[in-house]
Each structure stands twice: as C-alpha cells, then as structure tokens.
Amino acid sequence: QVQLVESGGGLVQPGGSLRLSCAASGRIVSINDMAWYRQAPGNQRELVATITRGGRTDYPDAVKGRCTISRDNAKGTVFLQMNDLKPEDTAVYYCNAKSWYGDHWGQGTQVTVSS
C-alpha cells in the first residue's frame, strides 16, 4: 500500500553537503512517522533522523547539528539535508515510513564521503 524510493546519494568530499529525497507512493495519507536510517558494511543499521507527522524531529549525537530532516505530508516526501559530511557518514541510507499498514522501507541510496 506504500512504496518508498530514495534518491540524491553520491560521492562527496569531506565537508561537503548532500540532500537526500524519499518519494512515497500509494496510500500516502496513511503515513505517520518517517525516518532515515543508514548502514555501512559490517555495521548495524542505525537511526539518522526521525520526524513525526506533526513535524517533531529527533537526531542522534552522531549527526546532530549537521543533518536536518523535513517532510511534505501532502506530497508524501521526506528529505535529509546533510552538511559538513565526514568519512564516517559513508553508508547506504534508507527511508522508513510507519503507516496504518505497518513499516515500509526504500531500497536505499549510497552516500560515499571521501577525498
């Protein structure tokens, strides 16, 4: 009932910026909270940012001050603006949505921070 597609990843130098996008389709009115996660090879998937339907956001210390999550409820899109990127930010970034039907995940988009 809900499908998610991420985009905007790529190769960026340390200190650079990227803006990730996640487009939801299907029953977007059913979506409540949304979030971004990331996973590097050999690591656990970790939370990057969350945003409620009302716009309340939360960030872990690893990205706090460098990342901003935002959303457009009408369009069913969520964004992740990442600034001052560091090599440790390198990972596959996944979009997550909680809806009336359960949890939904995108296929992921690769972010590589390297000089």
C-alpha atoms as a PDB file:
ATOM      1  CA  GLN A   1       0.000   0.000   0.000  1.00  0.00           C
ATOM      2  CA  VAL A   2       3.025   2.292   0.471  1.00  0.00           C
ATOM      3  CA  GLN A   3       6.192   2.329  -1.610  1.00  0.00           C
ATOM      4  CA  LEU A   4       9.332   4.374  -0.924  1.00  0.00           C
ATOM      5  CA  VAL A   5      12.088   5.383  -3.343  1.00  0.00           C
ATOM      6  CA  GLU A   6      15.246   7.183  -2.194  1.00  0.00           C
ATOM      7  CA  SER A   7      17.436   9.402  -4.349  1.00  0.00           C
ATOM      8  CA  GLY A   8      20.165  12.010  -4.030  1.00  0.00           C
ATOM      9  CA  GLY A   9      23.078   9.894  -2.879  1.00  0.00           C
ATOM     10  CA  GLY A  10      26.506  10.059  -4.427  1.00  0.00           C
ATOM     11  CA  LEU A  11      30.179  10.793  -3.895  1.00  0.00           C
ATOM     12  CA  VAL A  12      31.071  13.915  -1.945  1.00  0.00           C
ATOM     13  CA  GLN A  13      34.267  15.248  -0.393  1.00  0.00           C
ATOM     14  CA  PRO A  14      34.612  15.693   3.371  1.00  0.00           C
ATOM     15  CA  GLY A  15      32.957  18.922   4.415  1.00  0.00           C
ATOM     16  CA  GLY A  16      30.530  18.782   1.522  1.00  0.00           C
ATOM     17  CA  SER A  17      26.752  18.553   1.519  1.00  0.00           C
ATOM     18  CA  LEU A  18      24.054  16.310   0.103  1.00  0.00           C
ATOM     19  CA  ARG A  19      20.282  16.421   0.093  1.00  0.00           C
ATOM     20  CA  LEU A  20      18.573  13.044   0.068  1.00  0.00           C
ATOM     21  CA  SER A  21      14.978  12.642  -1.047  1.00  0.00           C
ATOM     22  CA  CYS A  22      12.425   9.928  -0.392  1.00  0.00           C
ATOM     23  CA  ALA A  23       9.288   9.774  -2.501  1.00  0.00           C
ATOM     24  CA  ALA A  24       6.323   7.835  -1.161  1.00  0.00           C
ATOM     25  CA  SER A  25       3.569   6.483  -3.359  1.00  0.00           C
ATOM     26  CA  GLY A  26       0.380   4.565  -2.766  1.00  0.00           C
ATOM     27  CA  ARG A  27      -1.704   5.392   0.280  1.00  0.00           C
ATOM     28  CA  ILE A  28       0.410   8.323   1.463  1.00  0.00           C
ATOM     29  CA  VAL A  29      -2.411   9.568   3.696  1.00  0.00           C
ATOM     30  CA  SER A  30      -1.807   6.505   5.855  1.00  0.00           C
ATOM     31  CA  ILE A  31       1.766   7.539   6.725  1.00  0.00           C
ATOM     32  CA  ASN A  32       2.548   8.716  10.235  1.00  0.00           C
ATOM     33  CA  ASP A  33       6.183   8.950  11.357  1.00  0.00           C
ATOM     34  CA  MET A  34       9.060   8.876   8.882  1.00  0.00           C
ATOM     35  CA  ALA A  35      12.773   8.403   9.393  1.00  0.00           C
ATOM     36  CA  TRP A  36      16.162   7.992   7.777  1.00  0.00           C
ATOM     37  CA  TYR A  37      18.479   5.118   8.686  1.00  0.00           C
ATOM     38  CA  ARG A  38      21.923   4.188   7.424  1.00  0.00           C
ATOM     39  CA  GLN A  39      24.011   1.054   7.279  1.00  0.00           C
ATOM     40  CA  ALA A  40      27.681   0.623   6.453  1.00  0.00           C
ATOM     41  CA  PRO A  41      29.158  -2.791   5.561  1.00  0.00           C
ATOM     42  CA  GLY A  42      29.672  -4.853   8.707  1.00  0.00           C
ATOM     43  CA  ASN A  43      27.727  -2.394  10.844  1.00  0.00           C
ATOM     44  CA  GLN A  44      24.253  -2.399  12.310  1.00  0.00           C
ATOM     45  CA  ARG A  45      21.603  -0.246  10.726  1.00  0.00           C
ATOM     46  CA  GLU A  46      21.445   2.967  12.737  1.00  0.00           C
ATOM     47  CA  LEU A  47      18.933   5.739  13.052  1.00  0.00           C
ATOM     48  CA  VAL A  48      19.894   9.072  11.487  1.00  0.00           C
ATOM     49  CA  ALA A  49      16.780  11.191  11.982  1.00  0.00           C
ATOM     50  CA  THR A  50      13.074  10.921  12.718  1.00  0.00           C
ATOM     51  CA  ILE A  51      10.157  13.204  12.017  1.00  0.00           C
ATOM     52  CA  THR A  52       6.569  12.861  13.158  1.00  0.00           C
ATOM     53  CA  ARG A  53       3.521  13.708  11.101  1.00  0.00           C
ATOM     54  CA  GLY A  54       3.368  16.989  13.015  1.00  0.00           C
ATOM     55  CA  GLY A  55       6.978  17.858  12.248  1.00  0.00           C
ATOM     56  CA  ARG A  56       8.732  16.999  15.510  1.00  0.00           C
ATOM     57  CA  THR A  57      12.312  15.892  14.805  1.00  0.00           C
ATOM     58  CA  ASP A  58      14.958  13.935  16.674  1.00  0.00           C
ATOM     59  CA  TYR A  59      18.623  13.230  15.893  1.00  0.00           C
ATOM     60  CA  PRO A  60      21.340  11.095  17.454  1.00  0.00           C
ATOM     61  CA  ASP A  61      24.535  12.777  18.614  1.00  0.00           C
ATOM     62  CA  ALA A  62      26.473  11.484  15.612  1.00  0.00           C
ATOM     63  CA  VAL A  63      24.595  13.782  13.226  1.00  0.00           C
ATOM     64  CA  LYS A  64      23.029  16.388  15.473  1.00  0.00           C
ATOM     65  CA  GLY A  65      23.836  19.851  14.189  1.00  0.00           C
ATOM     66  CA  ARG A  66      24.823  18.593  10.729  1.00  0.00           C
ATOM     67  CA  CYS A  67      21.605  16.983   9.479  1.00  0.00           C
ATOM     68  CA  THR A  68      18.076  18.255   9.059  1.00  0.00           C
ATOM     69  CA  ILE A  69      15.060  16.105   8.268  1.00  0.00           C
ATOM     70  CA  SER A  70      11.941  17.636   6.748  1.00  0.00           C
ATOM     71  CA  ARG A  71       8.771  16.436   5.056  1.00  0.00           C
ATOM     72  CA  ASP A  72       5.872  17.420   2.855  1.00  0.00           C
ATOM     73  CA  ASN A  73       2.861  15.454   4.041  1.00  0.00           C
ATOM     74  CA  ALA A  74       0.705  16.354   1.053  1.00  0.00           C
ATOM     75  CA  LYS A  75       3.291  15.112  -1.437  1.00  0.00           C
ATOM     76  CA  GLY A  76       4.413  12.192   0.683  1.00  0.00           C
ATOM     77  CA  THR A  77       8.071  13.190   0.537  1.00  0.00           C
ATOM     78  CA  VAL A  78      10.767  13.346   3.179  1.00  0.00           C
ATOM     79  CA  PHE A  79      14.208  14.927   2.867  1.00  0.00           C
ATOM     80  CA  LEU A  80      17.524  14.706   4.656  1.00  0.00           C
ATOM     81  CA  GLN A  81      19.869  17.672   4.306  1.00  0.00           C
ATOM     82  CA  MET A  82      23.389  16.675   5.311  1.00  0.00           C
ATOM     83  CA  ASN A  83      26.126  19.247   5.806  1.00  0.00           C
ATOM     84  CA  ASP A  84      29.780  19.049   6.841  1.00  0.00           C
ATOM     85  CA  LEU A  85      29.886  15.416   5.797  1.00  0.00           C
ATOM     86  CA  LYS A  86      32.551  13.167   7.267  1.00  0.00           C
ATOM     87  CA  PRO A  87      34.014   9.856   6.040  1.00  0.00           C
ATOM     88  CA  GLU A  88      32.180   8.070   8.852  1.00  0.00           C
ATOM     89  CA  ASP A  89      28.904   9.179   7.255  1.00  0.00           C
ATOM     90  CA  THR A  90      29.581   6.780   4.370  1.00  0.00           C
ATOM     91  CA  ALA A  91      26.744   4.245   4.224  1.00  0.00           C
ATOM     92  CA  VAL A  92      23.624   3.193   2.405  1.00  0.00           C
ATOM     93  CA  TYR A  93      20.835   5.481   3.538  1.00  0.00           C
ATOM     94  CA  TYR A  94      17.318   4.069   3.848  1.00  0.00           C
ATOM     95  CA  CYS A  95      13.984   5.813   4.103  1.00  0.00           C
ATOM     96  CA  ASN A  96      11.441   4.425   6.569  1.00  0.00           C
ATOM     97  CA  ALA A  97       7.755   5.157   6.992  1.00  0.00           C
ATOM     98  CA  LYS A  98       5.276   3.993   9.593  1.00  0.00           C
ATOM     99  CA  SER A  99       1.743   3.747   8.264  1.00  0.00           C
ATOM    100  CA  TRP A 100      -1.592   2.259   9.156  1.00  0.00           C
ATOM    101  CA  TYR A 101      -0.372  -0.895   7.393  1.00  0.00           C
ATOM    102  CA  GLY A 102       2.971  -1.260   9.166  1.00  0.00           C
ATOM    103  CA  ASP A 103       6.591  -0.327   8.457  1.00  0.00           C
ATOM    104  CA  HIS A 104       7.885   0.381   4.963  1.00  0.00           C
ATOM    105  CA  TRP A 105      11.436   0.673   3.631  1.00  0.00           C
ATOM    106  CA  GLY A 106      13.015   2.001   0.481  1.00  0.00           C
ATOM    107  CA  GLN A 107      15.780   0.288  -1.461  1.00  0.00           C
ATOM    108  CA  GLY A 108      18.460   2.656  -0.186  1.00  0.00           C
ATOM    109  CA  THR A 109      20.799   5.202  -1.739  1.00  0.00           C
ATOM    110  CA  GLN A 110      24.588   5.129  -1.422  1.00  0.00           C
ATOM    111  CA  VAL A 111      26.416   8.035   0.200  1.00  0.00           C
ATOM    112  CA  THR A 112      30.200   8.000  -0.021  1.00  0.00           C
ATOM    113  CA  VAL A 113      32.292  10.682   1.684  1.00  0.00           C
ATOM    114  CA  SER A 114      35.886  10.532   0.523  1.00  0.00           C
ATOM    115  CA  SER A 115      38.670  12.735  -0.743  1.00  0.00           C
END
